Amino acid sequence: MVMAAPQKNYLHMLFVFMILVQLKHRSICAQHNTPDQILKKLLDEGHYEKRLRPLSALKPLMVECTLYVVSLGPVSEVDMTFKLGIYFRQYWTDPRLRFNSTLDKIVLSQDLLEDLWLPDSFFQTETESYIHEVTKPNVFFRLHKDGRILMSIRVTVTSRCPMDLRLFPMDTQECELRIASWGFTTNDLQYEWLRNTHMNAPPIKLAEDITLSNFRVVNYQWNSYIRNLSTGEWDTLAVTFRFGRNTLYFIIQMYIPSTLIVMVSWVSFWVGRASVPARAALGITTVLTLLTLISSTNANMPKISYMKAIDVYFAGCFLFVFASLIEFAAVCYLDKSRVRRPTPSNPSTGADTAKSSTKSRGPQLTDSNAELPRRASSYLLSSMPDDLTGSKTSLQYAVELSQLKQESLRRPHNARPGGGIRYSQHYDHNLNYNNSSSNITRRSSRRLSCSLRRPSIRIKNEQGDINVGSIDRFSRYFFPLTFTTLMCMYWSIYYHISTQLEPIGENGIIL
């Protein structure tokens, strides 16, 4: 009985001691499982060499990549580039960074960029790129216990995009972004697009709020291939974006104004031939306006050596506007040519011939005979109605009187048109001025009334009669019908070509 109490106290003290030992062991293990202690142990200089890639002596390191596109555009035709903002994520495994701990992963900051080995990935097609640094560099790491590393950076890339503008503005452009290693060939480093099979997530994903001003994303596709260069074989990842141009802006700003300018040039066909300044101003104004529109459009385009679809349309519009101006010049020339008559090459010779003919066949004209056409002209001008005193009618009438005067001076009143002078048996040298004047007046009035009754003026030339008025009437229908036919052909051909998109690849996504 006396020995039982000390034995019980001994067992109690032993139990307390064991509990204290376990608590101390757990505290020591917990202290070694903190992230800072794990990193300090993993990045020890005797254990980790950052200048050597993982698996340097065994097999190529596999780097898996994904892209999340947060912004896209603008797409520039002048520089032939496109800009995109992305979250570029790379996954690889480094066996040297494995650790045993209750933690599944450790989130690291960008301060470890200089302490870890990183893939030397770069964008082959870039012209300019930068990592965002507000408020700190947008880079983070995740280190898993099995040595797998995730590095994500937010970067904005301006990449080259060679464009074929033959179908502009109904064209579709393909812009490619390529990712590769700078210094490791396929024997050391290989790239692959990472596809999450559990979540069925593609390696390329676009944000839902992406919009572009002049383009729309038709589809995008990704692939990988090996490029053979003089320095070796390089594994390359590529993502191709297909952009379709929005044509509504160009229809409103280019196609409709140029079409209206062509229609305005057709107004000259309804303007009278006498309105020469109005038709000339209208034709020149439409030509200069269309040239200004063409120049302003090409100012925002690259200097290329082939014709675009918009250039073909502008060329057709300019051809019709210029043809309208040429039509006005032709009508004006023919209208002015109708008052021209062939004159003898040597007037003196004709006068001498008439004089000699008069001597041989009859008496000469006296001064009173020469005064006869002038008296008839004064009489006919004074008796002309007021409604025929317009500028154009007066001009025609004056021409008729001038021709009559020349005929009277060249031959006597009784001369036949075929030649020779017909005299009556009782020829009086003193002509009766009143009878002659009345005859000339009646003949001139009859010729003038006949010219006024004609619906259109015809000009006699070597090829036949030309109806000047019918040229304008013909142009009123010919120009609109021809222009409409050509424009329908233009839109049908180019629309058919622009809608023939190439088939999507196996890994492509149609939006």
Protein backbone atom coordinates (compact mmCIF):
# COMPACT_ATOMS: atom_id res chain seq x y z
CA MET A 1 0.00 0.00 0.00
CA VAL A 2 2.81 2.39 0.78
CA MET A 3 4.67 1.66 -2.49
CA ALA A 4 1.55 2.14 -4.73
CA ALA A 5 1.36 5.95 -4.42
CA PRO A 6 4.96 6.68 -5.58
CA GLN A 7 4.49 4.31 -8.56
CA LYS A 8 1.34 6.16 -9.59
CA ASN A 9 3.08 9.51 -9.42
CA TYR A 10 5.91 8.16 -11.55
CA LEU A 11 3.54 7.03 -14.31
CA HIS A 12 1.79 10.38 -14.29
CA MET A 13 5.05 12.28 -14.72
CA LEU A 14 6.10 9.97 -17.57
CA PHE A 15 2.85 10.64 -19.43
CA VAL A 16 3.25 14.41 -19.10
CA PHE A 17 6.82 14.19 -20.39
CA MET A 18 5.74 12.30 -23.50
CA ILE A 19 3.11 14.89 -24.28
CA LEU A 20 5.64 17.67 -23.97
CA VAL A 21 8.04 15.88 -26.34
CA GLN A 22 5.34 15.49 -29.01
CA LEU A 23 4.34 19.13 -28.77
CA LYS A 24 7.94 20.23 -29.16
CA HIS A 25 8.42 17.96 -32.20
CA ARG A 26 5.33 19.32 -33.83
CA SER A 27 6.46 22.89 -33.26
CA ILE A 28 9.82 22.13 -34.86
CA CYS A 29 8.16 20.51 -37.91
CA ALA A 30 5.80 23.42 -38.27
CA GLN A 31 8.71 25.80 -38.13
CA HIS A 32 10.44 23.98 -41.03
CA ASN A 33 7.17 23.93 -43.12
CA THR A 34 6.84 27.71 -43.41
CA PRO A 35 7.22 29.11 -46.98
CA ASP A 36 10.30 31.13 -46.15
CA GLN A 37 12.05 28.13 -44.65
CA ILE A 38 11.09 25.97 -47.61
CA LEU A 39 12.39 28.52 -50.12
CA LYS A 40 15.57 29.02 -48.13
CA LYS A 41 16.19 25.30 -48.19
CA LEU A 42 15.23 24.87 -51.89
CA LEU A 43 17.24 27.81 -53.19
CA ASP A 44 20.39 26.90 -51.29
CA GLU A 45 23.43 27.39 -53.51
CA GLY A 46 24.60 23.86 -52.89
CA HIS A 47 21.23 22.41 -53.90
CA TYR A 48 19.95 24.72 -56.75
CA GLU A 49 21.84 26.19 -59.70
CA LYS A 50 19.72 28.81 -61.50
CA ARG A 51 22.07 29.00 -64.50
CA LEU A 52 21.20 25.44 -65.59
CA ARG A 53 17.84 24.42 -66.96
CA PRO A 54 15.97 21.55 -65.30
CA LEU A 55 16.68 18.05 -66.64
CA SER A 56 19.73 19.42 -68.41
CA ALA A 57 21.35 16.01 -68.87
CA LEU A 58 18.27 13.82 -69.31
CA LYS A 59 15.69 15.02 -71.81
CA PRO A 60 14.20 18.24 -73.26
CA LEU A 61 12.18 20.36 -70.89
CA MET A 62 8.51 20.70 -71.85
CA VAL A 63 6.99 24.18 -71.44
CA GLU A 64 3.22 24.43 -71.75
CA CYS A 65 1.57 27.77 -72.54
CA THR A 66 -1.84 29.43 -72.48
CA LEU A 67 -3.04 32.88 -73.50
CA TYR A 68 -5.90 34.95 -72.17
CA VAL A 69 -6.52 37.94 -74.46
CA VAL A 70 -7.86 40.92 -72.52
CA SER A 71 -7.60 43.53 -75.30
CA LEU A 72 -7.25 43.39 -79.06
CA GLY A 73 -6.47 46.16 -81.48
CA PRO A 74 -6.06 48.52 -83.07
CA VAL A 75 -5.21 46.89 -86.39
CA SER A 76 -3.20 49.36 -88.49
CA GLU A 77 -3.08 49.16 -92.28
CA VAL A 78 -0.41 51.86 -92.53
CA ASP A 79 2.10 50.12 -90.23
CA MET A 80 0.68 46.64 -90.93
CA THR A 81 0.66 45.73 -87.25
CA PHE A 82 -1.87 44.73 -84.62
CA LYS A 83 -1.76 45.15 -80.86
CA LEU A 84 -3.06 42.81 -78.17
CA GLY A 85 -2.91 42.69 -74.39
CA ILE A 86 -2.56 39.16 -72.95
CA TYR A 87 -1.98 37.14 -69.81
CA PHE A 88 0.89 34.93 -70.90
CA ARG A 89 1.10 31.81 -68.74
CA GLN A 90 3.88 29.21 -68.81
CA TYR A 91 3.96 25.85 -67.02
CA TRP A 92 7.05 23.68 -66.50
CA THR A 93 8.40 21.22 -63.93
CA ASP A 94 11.66 21.66 -62.03
CA PRO A 95 12.51 18.52 -59.96
CA ARG A 96 14.99 20.51 -57.91
CA LEU A 97 12.13 22.51 -56.35
CA ARG A 98 10.15 19.58 -54.94
CA PHE A 99 9.36 19.74 -51.24
CA ASN A 100 7.48 17.71 -48.61
CA SER A 101 5.05 19.81 -46.67
CA THR A 102 1.46 20.11 -45.68
CA LEU A 103 1.22 23.03 -48.14
CA ASP A 104 0.14 22.17 -51.65
CA LYS A 105 1.64 25.26 -53.27
CA ILE A 106 3.48 28.45 -52.51
CA VAL A 107 2.59 31.75 -54.14
CA LEU A 108 5.67 33.79 -54.95
CA SER A 109 6.11 37.38 -56.08
CA GLN A 110 8.12 38.86 -58.95
CA ASP A 111 11.07 39.42 -56.63
CA LEU A 112 12.22 35.85 -57.38
CA LEU A 113 12.83 36.60 -61.07
CA GLU A 114 16.54 36.76 -60.42
CA ASP A 115 16.67 33.66 -58.19
CA LEU A 116 14.89 31.08 -60.38
CA TRP A 117 15.58 29.59 -63.76
CA LEU A 118 13.01 30.88 -66.27
CA PRO A 119 12.31 29.94 -69.89
CA ASP A 120 13.71 32.48 -72.35
CA SER A 121 10.45 32.75 -74.29
CA PHE A 122 9.94 35.67 -76.66
CA PHE A 123 7.48 36.76 -79.36
CA GLN A 124 9.03 36.30 -82.78
CA THR A 125 6.65 38.61 -84.64
CA GLU A 126 6.69 41.48 -82.16
CA THR A 127 7.79 45.00 -83.00
CA GLU A 128 7.24 46.36 -79.51
CA SER A 129 6.19 44.85 -76.17
CA TYR A 130 6.30 45.68 -72.47
CA ILE A 131 5.26 44.23 -69.12
CA HIS A 132 2.80 46.29 -67.10
CA GLU A 133 4.33 47.69 -63.92
CA VAL A 134 1.47 49.51 -62.17
CA THR A 135 1.47 49.38 -59.27
CA LYS A 136 4.18 46.70 -59.33
CA PRO A 137 5.34 44.44 -62.16
CA ASN A 138 2.37 42.27 -63.12
CA VAL A 139 4.16 38.92 -62.60
CA PHE A 140 3.43 36.08 -60.18
CA PHE A 141 4.67 32.51 -59.51
CA ARG A 142 3.04 29.42 -58.12
CA LEU A 143 5.29 26.63 -56.89
CA HIS A 144 3.65 23.24 -56.29
CA LYS A 145 5.05 20.56 -54.02
CA ASP A 146 5.83 18.28 -56.98
CA GLY A 147 8.10 20.95 -58.49
CA ARG A 148 5.63 22.26 -61.10
CA ILE A 149 5.83 26.04 -61.64
CA LEU A 150 3.29 28.47 -63.06
CA MET A 151 4.51 31.89 -64.19
CA SER A 152 1.97 34.45 -65.40
CA ILE A 153 2.76 37.89 -66.77
CA ARG A 154 0.58 40.64 -68.19
CA VAL A 155 2.15 41.97 -71.37
CA THR A 156 1.08 44.18 -74.28
CA VAL A 157 2.50 43.12 -77.65
CA THR A 158 2.54 44.94 -80.97
CA SER A 159 3.04 42.29 -83.62
CA ARG A 160 3.62 42.38 -87.35
CA CYS A 161 0.68 41.63 -89.61
CA PRO A 162 1.46 41.52 -93.35
CA MET A 163 -1.74 42.44 -95.19
CA ASP A 164 -3.05 41.92 -98.68
CA LEU A 165 -5.25 44.94 -99.46
CA ARG A 166 -6.45 43.96 -102.92
CA LEU A 167 -10.01 43.49 -101.60
CA PHE A 168 -9.98 46.59 -99.38
CA PRO A 169 -12.44 47.50 -97.82
CA MET A 170 -14.07 44.08 -98.19
CA ASP A 171 -10.95 42.21 -97.18
CA THR A 172 -10.19 39.69 -94.45
CA GLN A 173 -6.78 39.79 -92.78
CA GLU A 174 -4.87 37.09 -90.87
CA CYS A 175 -2.48 38.20 -88.13
CA GLU A 176 -0.18 35.71 -86.43
CA LEU A 177 1.60 35.81 -83.07
CA ARG A 178 4.49 33.35 -82.66
CA ILE A 179 6.17 32.23 -79.43
CA ALA A 180 9.53 30.45 -79.28
CA SER A 181 12.70 30.11 -77.23
CA TRP A 182 15.53 32.53 -77.80
CA GLY A 183 18.47 30.23 -77.07
CA PHE A 184 17.24 26.62 -76.64
CA THR A 185 16.59 24.38 -79.63
CA THR A 186 14.23 21.41 -79.69
CA ASN A 187 16.93 19.25 -78.10
CA ASP A 188 16.78 21.38 -74.95
CA LEU A 189 13.33 23.00 -74.84
CA GLN A 190 10.00 22.19 -76.38
CA TYR A 191 6.73 24.12 -76.39
CA GLU A 192 3.17 22.88 -76.32
CA TRP A 193 -0.27 24.43 -75.96
CA LEU A 194 -1.84 23.40 -72.65
CA ARG A 195 -5.44 22.21 -72.83
CA ASN A 196 -7.31 21.63 -69.61
CA THR A 197 -9.08 18.34 -70.21
CA HIS A 198 -10.93 18.43 -66.88
CA MET A 199 -12.56 21.80 -67.53
CA ASN A 200 -12.53 21.42 -71.34
CA ALA A 201 -10.89 24.85 -71.59
CA PRO A 202 -8.96 25.82 -74.75
CA PRO A 203 -5.43 27.21 -74.44
CA ILE A 204 -6.53 30.48 -76.10
CA LYS A 205 -9.41 32.46 -74.71
CA LEU A 206 -10.72 35.92 -75.54
CA ALA A 207 -12.41 38.29 -73.15
CA GLU A 208 -16.09 38.80 -73.82
CA ASP A 209 -15.90 42.59 -74.00
CA ILE A 210 -13.35 42.79 -76.83
CA THR A 211 -14.41 45.20 -79.58
CA LEU A 212 -12.57 46.71 -82.53
CA SER A 213 -13.36 49.88 -84.46
CA ASN A 214 -12.97 48.76 -88.09
CA PHE A 215 -12.68 45.00 -87.69
CA ARG A 216 -14.40 42.03 -86.12
CA VAL A 217 -12.78 38.78 -85.00
CA VAL A 218 -14.09 36.15 -87.37
CA ASN A 219 -12.19 33.24 -85.81
CA TYR A 220 -8.84 32.28 -84.33
CA GLN A 221 -6.79 29.09 -84.32
CA TRP A 222 -3.61 27.82 -82.73
CA ASN A 223 -0.96 25.34 -83.77
CA SER A 224 2.69 24.41 -83.21
CA TYR A 225 5.47 23.60 -85.63
CA ILE A 226 9.25 23.38 -85.90
CA ARG A 227 11.21 26.04 -87.76
CA ASN A 228 14.43 24.98 -89.43
CA LEU A 229 17.06 27.70 -89.30
CA SER A 230 20.79 27.75 -89.81
CA THR A 231 21.28 27.54 -86.03
CA GLY A 232 19.10 24.45 -85.60
CA GLU A 233 15.48 23.44 -85.15
CA TRP A 234 13.31 25.67 -83.00
CA ASP A 235 9.97 24.67 -81.52
CA THR A 236 7.37 27.39 -82.14
CA LEU A 237 3.84 28.09 -80.97
CA ALA A 238 1.54 30.20 -83.14
CA VAL A 239 -1.90 31.71 -82.75
CA THR A 240 -3.63 33.19 -85.81
CA PHE A 241 -6.44 35.74 -85.61
CA ARG A 242 -8.69 36.30 -88.61
CA PHE A 243 -10.10 39.82 -88.81
CA GLY A 244 -13.02 40.74 -91.05
CA ARG A 245 -13.32 44.41 -91.93
CA ASN A 246 -16.52 46.31 -91.15
CA THR A 247 -17.55 47.93 -94.45
CA LEU A 248 -20.37 50.18 -93.21
CA TYR A 249 -18.00 53.04 -92.43
CA PHE A 250 -16.48 52.94 -95.91
CA ILE A 251 -19.90 52.70 -97.57
CA ILE A 252 -21.04 55.85 -95.76
CA GLN A 253 -17.82 57.83 -96.09
CA MET A 254 -16.55 56.72 -99.53
CA TYR A 255 -18.97 54.75 -101.68
CA ILE A 256 -22.10 56.85 -101.23
CA PRO A 257 -20.38 60.27 -101.68
CA SER A 258 -18.55 59.14 -104.83
CA THR A 259 -21.80 57.73 -106.27
CA LEU A 260 -23.64 60.98 -105.57
CA ILE A 261 -20.87 62.98 -107.25
CA VAL A 262 -21.31 60.88 -110.39
CA MET A 263 -25.07 61.48 -110.31
CA VAL A 264 -24.53 65.22 -109.93
CA SER A 265 -22.39 65.21 -113.09
CA TRP A 266 -25.40 63.87 -115.01
CA VAL A 267 -27.38 67.06 -114.29
CA SER A 268 -25.52 68.77 -117.15
CA PHE A 269 -27.45 66.60 -119.62
CA TRP A 270 -30.65 68.45 -118.65
CA VAL A 271 -29.07 71.91 -118.80
CA GLY A 272 -29.50 73.74 -122.11
CA ARG A 273 -26.67 73.99 -124.57
CA ALA A 274 -26.70 77.76 -124.32
CA SER A 275 -25.78 77.61 -120.59
CA VAL A 276 -22.12 77.04 -121.25
CA PRO A 277 -20.77 78.54 -117.97
CA ALA A 278 -23.17 76.50 -115.84
CA ARG A 279 -22.33 73.21 -117.53
CA ALA A 280 -18.60 73.93 -117.47
CA ALA A 281 -18.65 74.82 -113.77
CA LEU A 282 -20.68 71.72 -112.95
CA GLY A 283 -18.32 69.39 -114.82
CA ILE A 284 -15.11 70.84 -113.39
CA THR A 285 -16.50 70.93 -109.84
CA THR A 286 -17.49 67.26 -109.88
CA VAL A 287 -14.08 66.23 -111.23
CA LEU A 288 -12.19 68.19 -108.57
CA THR A 289 -14.48 66.98 -105.77
CA LEU A 290 -13.96 63.35 -106.72
CA LEU A 291 -10.19 63.85 -106.92
CA THR A 292 -10.22 65.34 -103.41
CA LEU A 293 -12.18 62.36 -102.08
CA ILE A 294 -9.73 59.92 -103.69
CA SER A 295 -6.72 61.76 -102.28
CA SER A 296 -8.10 61.88 -98.74
CA THR A 297 -8.89 58.16 -98.84
CA ASN A 298 -5.44 57.11 -100.02
CA ALA A 299 -3.72 59.41 -97.52
CA ASN A 300 -4.58 56.96 -94.71
CA MET A 301 -3.41 53.91 -96.64
CA PRO A 302 0.06 52.47 -97.21
CA LYS A 303 1.80 53.23 -100.49
CA ILE A 304 1.26 49.94 -102.28
CA SER A 305 1.91 49.13 -105.93
CA TYR A 306 -1.38 47.37 -106.75
CA MET A 307 -4.97 48.50 -107.04
CA LYS A 308 -7.42 47.99 -104.22
CA ALA A 309 -11.12 47.33 -104.61
CA ILE A 310 -11.90 50.90 -103.59
CA ASP A 311 -9.47 52.14 -106.26
CA VAL A 312 -11.37 50.22 -108.92
CA TYR A 313 -14.61 51.85 -107.78
CA PHE A 314 -13.06 55.31 -107.72
CA ALA A 315 -11.58 54.76 -111.18
CA GLY A 316 -15.02 53.87 -112.54
CA CYS A 317 -16.62 56.93 -110.92
CA PHE A 318 -13.89 59.22 -112.22
CA LEU A 319 -14.29 57.78 -115.73
CA PHE A 320 -18.01 58.59 -115.77
CA VAL A 321 -17.51 62.10 -114.38
CA PHE A 322 -14.79 62.81 -116.92
CA ALA A 323 -16.94 61.36 -119.71
CA SER A 324 -19.75 63.75 -118.74
CA LEU A 325 -17.34 66.65 -119.07
CA ILE A 326 -16.13 65.40 -122.47
CA GLU A 327 -19.76 65.01 -123.61
CA PHE A 328 -20.44 68.64 -122.73
CA ALA A 329 -17.35 69.75 -124.67
CA ALA A 330 -18.44 67.75 -127.72
CA VAL A 331 -21.99 69.14 -127.64
CA CYS A 332 -20.70 72.69 -127.22
CA TYR A 333 -18.29 72.28 -130.12
CA LEU A 334 -20.93 70.86 -132.44
CA ASP A 335 -23.42 73.52 -131.42
CA LYS A 336 -20.96 76.27 -132.26
CA SER A 337 -19.95 74.60 -135.51
CA ARG A 338 -23.43 74.85 -136.98
CA VAL A 339 -22.97 78.59 -137.73
CA ARG A 340 -19.78 77.99 -139.68
CA ARG A 341 -19.93 77.82 -143.47
CA PRO A 342 -17.11 77.21 -145.93
CA THR A 343 -15.78 80.49 -147.45
CA PRO A 344 -13.90 80.85 -150.72
CA SER A 345 -10.15 80.57 -150.42
CA ASN A 346 -9.56 83.79 -152.42
CA PRO A 347 -12.42 86.30 -152.24
CA SER A 348 -10.87 88.53 -154.85
CA THR A 349 -10.77 85.68 -157.33
CA GLY A 350 -14.44 84.98 -156.79
CA ALA A 351 -15.26 88.65 -157.20
CA ASP A 352 -13.28 88.85 -160.41
CA THR A 353 -14.97 85.74 -161.71
CA ALA A 354 -18.38 87.16 -160.93
CA LYS A 355 -17.40 90.45 -162.54
CA SER A 356 -16.16 88.81 -165.69
CA SER A 357 -19.25 86.68 -165.84
CA THR A 358 -21.36 89.77 -165.51
CA LYS A 359 -19.54 91.50 -168.29
CA SER A 360 -19.96 88.59 -170.61
CA ARG A 361 -23.60 87.91 -169.91
CA GLY A 362 -25.12 91.12 -168.79
CA PRO A 363 -24.68 94.42 -167.06
CA GLN A 364 -22.96 94.85 -163.70
CA LEU A 365 -24.64 95.58 -160.36
CA THR A 366 -24.79 99.24 -159.53
CA ASP A 367 -24.34 100.80 -156.11
CA SER A 368 -28.06 100.74 -155.72
CA ASN A 369 -28.00 96.96 -156.23
CA ALA A 370 -25.38 96.58 -153.46
CA GLU A 371 -27.51 98.67 -151.17
CA LEU A 372 -30.47 96.36 -151.67
CA PRO A 373 -29.50 93.60 -149.12
CA ARG A 374 -28.78 96.19 -146.45
CA ARG A 375 -32.23 97.74 -146.92
CA ALA A 376 -33.81 94.30 -146.71
CA SER A 377 -31.90 93.55 -143.54
CA SER A 378 -33.07 96.76 -141.87
CA TYR A 379 -36.64 96.13 -142.93
CA LEU A 380 -36.65 92.54 -141.71
CA LEU A 381 -35.06 93.40 -138.37
CA SER A 382 -37.63 96.11 -137.76
CA SER A 383 -40.51 93.78 -138.64
CA MET A 384 -39.26 90.81 -136.54
CA PRO A 385 -41.60 89.88 -133.64
CA ASP A 386 -40.58 90.54 -130.05
CA ASP A 387 -40.61 86.88 -129.07
CA LEU A 388 -37.88 86.15 -131.63
CA THR A 389 -35.45 88.76 -130.35
CA GLY A 390 -33.64 86.41 -128.00
CA SER A 391 -29.91 86.13 -128.12
CA LYS A 392 -29.78 82.84 -129.90
CA THR A 393 -32.59 83.64 -132.44
CA SER A 394 -31.06 86.97 -133.27
CA LEU A 395 -27.74 85.28 -133.87
CA GLN A 396 -29.33 82.81 -136.25
CA TYR A 397 -31.20 85.56 -138.01
CA ALA A 398 -28.09 87.71 -138.38
CA VAL A 399 -26.24 84.77 -139.88
CA GLU A 400 -29.01 84.23 -142.40
CA LEU A 401 -28.90 87.89 -143.41
CA SER A 402 -25.13 87.84 -143.70
CA GLN A 403 -25.25 84.86 -146.01
CA LEU A 404 -27.96 86.50 -148.07
CA LYS A 405 -25.89 89.63 -148.35
CA GLN A 406 -22.86 87.72 -149.60
CA GLU A 407 -24.94 85.92 -152.21
CA SER A 408 -26.42 89.20 -153.41
CA LEU A 409 -23.01 90.79 -153.74
CA ARG A 410 -21.63 87.83 -155.69
CA ARG A 411 -24.48 87.53 -158.24
CA PRO A 412 -27.42 89.54 -159.55
CA HIS A 413 -30.87 89.07 -158.24
CA ASN A 414 -31.97 86.99 -161.24
CA ALA A 415 -28.91 84.67 -161.18
CA ARG A 416 -29.60 80.97 -161.21
CA PRO A 417 -27.99 78.72 -158.54
CA GLY A 418 -26.57 76.40 -161.19
CA GLY A 419 -24.66 79.16 -162.94
CA GLY A 420 -25.35 81.75 -165.56
CA ILE A 421 -27.50 84.85 -165.44
CA ARG A 422 -31.00 84.83 -166.81
CA TYR A 423 -32.13 88.08 -168.39
CA SER A 424 -35.53 88.97 -169.67
CA GLN A 425 -35.93 90.45 -173.11
CA HIS A 426 -36.85 93.79 -171.61
CA TYR A 427 -34.09 94.21 -169.06
CA ASP A 428 -34.19 97.38 -167.08
CA HIS A 429 -30.86 98.66 -165.67
CA ASN A 430 -32.73 100.65 -163.05
CA LEU A 431 -34.04 97.98 -160.67
CA ASN A 432 -37.25 98.42 -158.78
CA TYR A 433 -36.07 98.61 -155.16
CA ASN A 434 -39.46 98.12 -153.61
CA ASN A 435 -40.21 94.89 -155.49
CA SER A 436 -36.72 93.51 -154.90
CA SER A 437 -36.84 94.37 -151.22
CA SER A 438 -40.19 92.71 -150.77
CA ASN A 439 -38.97 89.56 -152.55
CA ILE A 440 -35.85 89.33 -150.41
CA THR A 441 -37.88 89.91 -147.26
CA ARG A 442 -40.36 87.17 -148.10
CA ARG A 443 -37.58 84.73 -148.97
CA SER A 444 -35.64 85.45 -145.75
CA SER A 445 -38.77 85.18 -143.63
CA ARG A 446 -39.61 81.84 -145.22
CA ARG A 447 -36.10 80.49 -144.52
CA LEU A 448 -36.21 81.73 -140.94
CA SER A 449 -39.62 80.17 -140.27
CA CYS A 450 -38.40 76.86 -141.66
CA SER A 451 -35.39 76.89 -139.36
CA LEU A 452 -37.60 77.63 -136.36
CA ARG A 453 -39.97 74.79 -137.21
CA ARG A 454 -37.15 72.21 -137.18
CA PRO A 455 -37.15 70.25 -133.86
CA SER A 456 -33.34 70.03 -133.70
CA ILE A 457 -30.34 71.52 -135.47
CA ARG A 458 -28.41 69.31 -137.79
CA ILE A 459 -24.85 69.92 -138.93
CA LYS A 460 -23.73 68.73 -142.28
CA ASN A 461 -20.31 67.19 -142.37
CA GLU A 462 -18.48 64.53 -144.31
CA GLN A 463 -20.12 61.68 -142.40
CA GLY A 464 -23.68 62.89 -142.57
CA ASP A 465 -26.06 64.80 -140.31
CA ILE A 466 -25.39 65.03 -136.55
CA ASN A 467 -28.32 65.78 -134.28
CA VAL A 468 -26.81 67.88 -131.49
CA GLY A 469 -29.88 67.74 -129.29
CA SER A 470 -30.09 63.97 -129.46
CA ILE A 471 -26.62 63.60 -127.89
CA ASP A 472 -27.87 64.99 -124.58
CA ARG A 473 -31.06 62.93 -124.76
CA PHE A 474 -29.06 59.78 -125.44
CA SER A 475 -26.66 60.53 -122.58
CA ARG A 476 -29.54 60.92 -120.11
CA TYR A 477 -30.26 57.20 -120.43
CA PHE A 478 -26.91 55.76 -121.47
CA PHE A 479 -24.83 57.05 -118.56
CA PRO A 480 -27.16 55.93 -115.69
CA LEU A 481 -27.83 52.52 -117.22
CA THR A 482 -24.16 51.84 -117.89
CA PHE A 483 -23.08 53.03 -114.45
CA THR A 484 -25.73 50.93 -112.72
CA THR A 485 -24.73 47.82 -114.68
CA LEU A 486 -21.04 48.21 -113.91
CA MET A 487 -21.65 48.86 -110.22
CA CYS A 488 -23.84 45.74 -109.94
CA MET A 489 -21.06 43.71 -111.51
CA TYR A 490 -18.52 45.29 -109.15
CA TRP A 491 -20.44 44.48 -105.97
CA SER A 492 -21.38 40.97 -107.04
CA ILE A 493 -17.80 40.01 -107.97
CA TYR A 494 -16.06 41.47 -104.94
CA TYR A 495 -18.72 40.30 -102.50
CA HIS A 496 -18.43 36.76 -103.83
CA ILE A 497 -14.65 36.83 -103.47
CA SER A 498 -14.71 38.33 -99.98
CA THR A 499 -17.15 35.73 -98.61
CA GLN A 500 -14.96 32.78 -99.61
CA LEU A 501 -13.12 32.27 -96.31
CA GLU A 502 -10.51 29.57 -95.95
CA PRO A 503 -11.50 26.48 -93.89
CA ILE A 504 -10.79 26.57 -90.17
CA GLY A 505 -8.04 24.37 -88.79
CA GLU A 506 -8.57 21.45 -86.51
CA ASN A 507 -7.89 23.50 -83.38
CA GLY A 508 -9.75 26.59 -84.54
CA ILE A 509 -12.66 28.35 -82.90
CA ILE A 510 -15.35 30.18 -84.88
CA LEU A 511 -16.82 33.21 -83.20
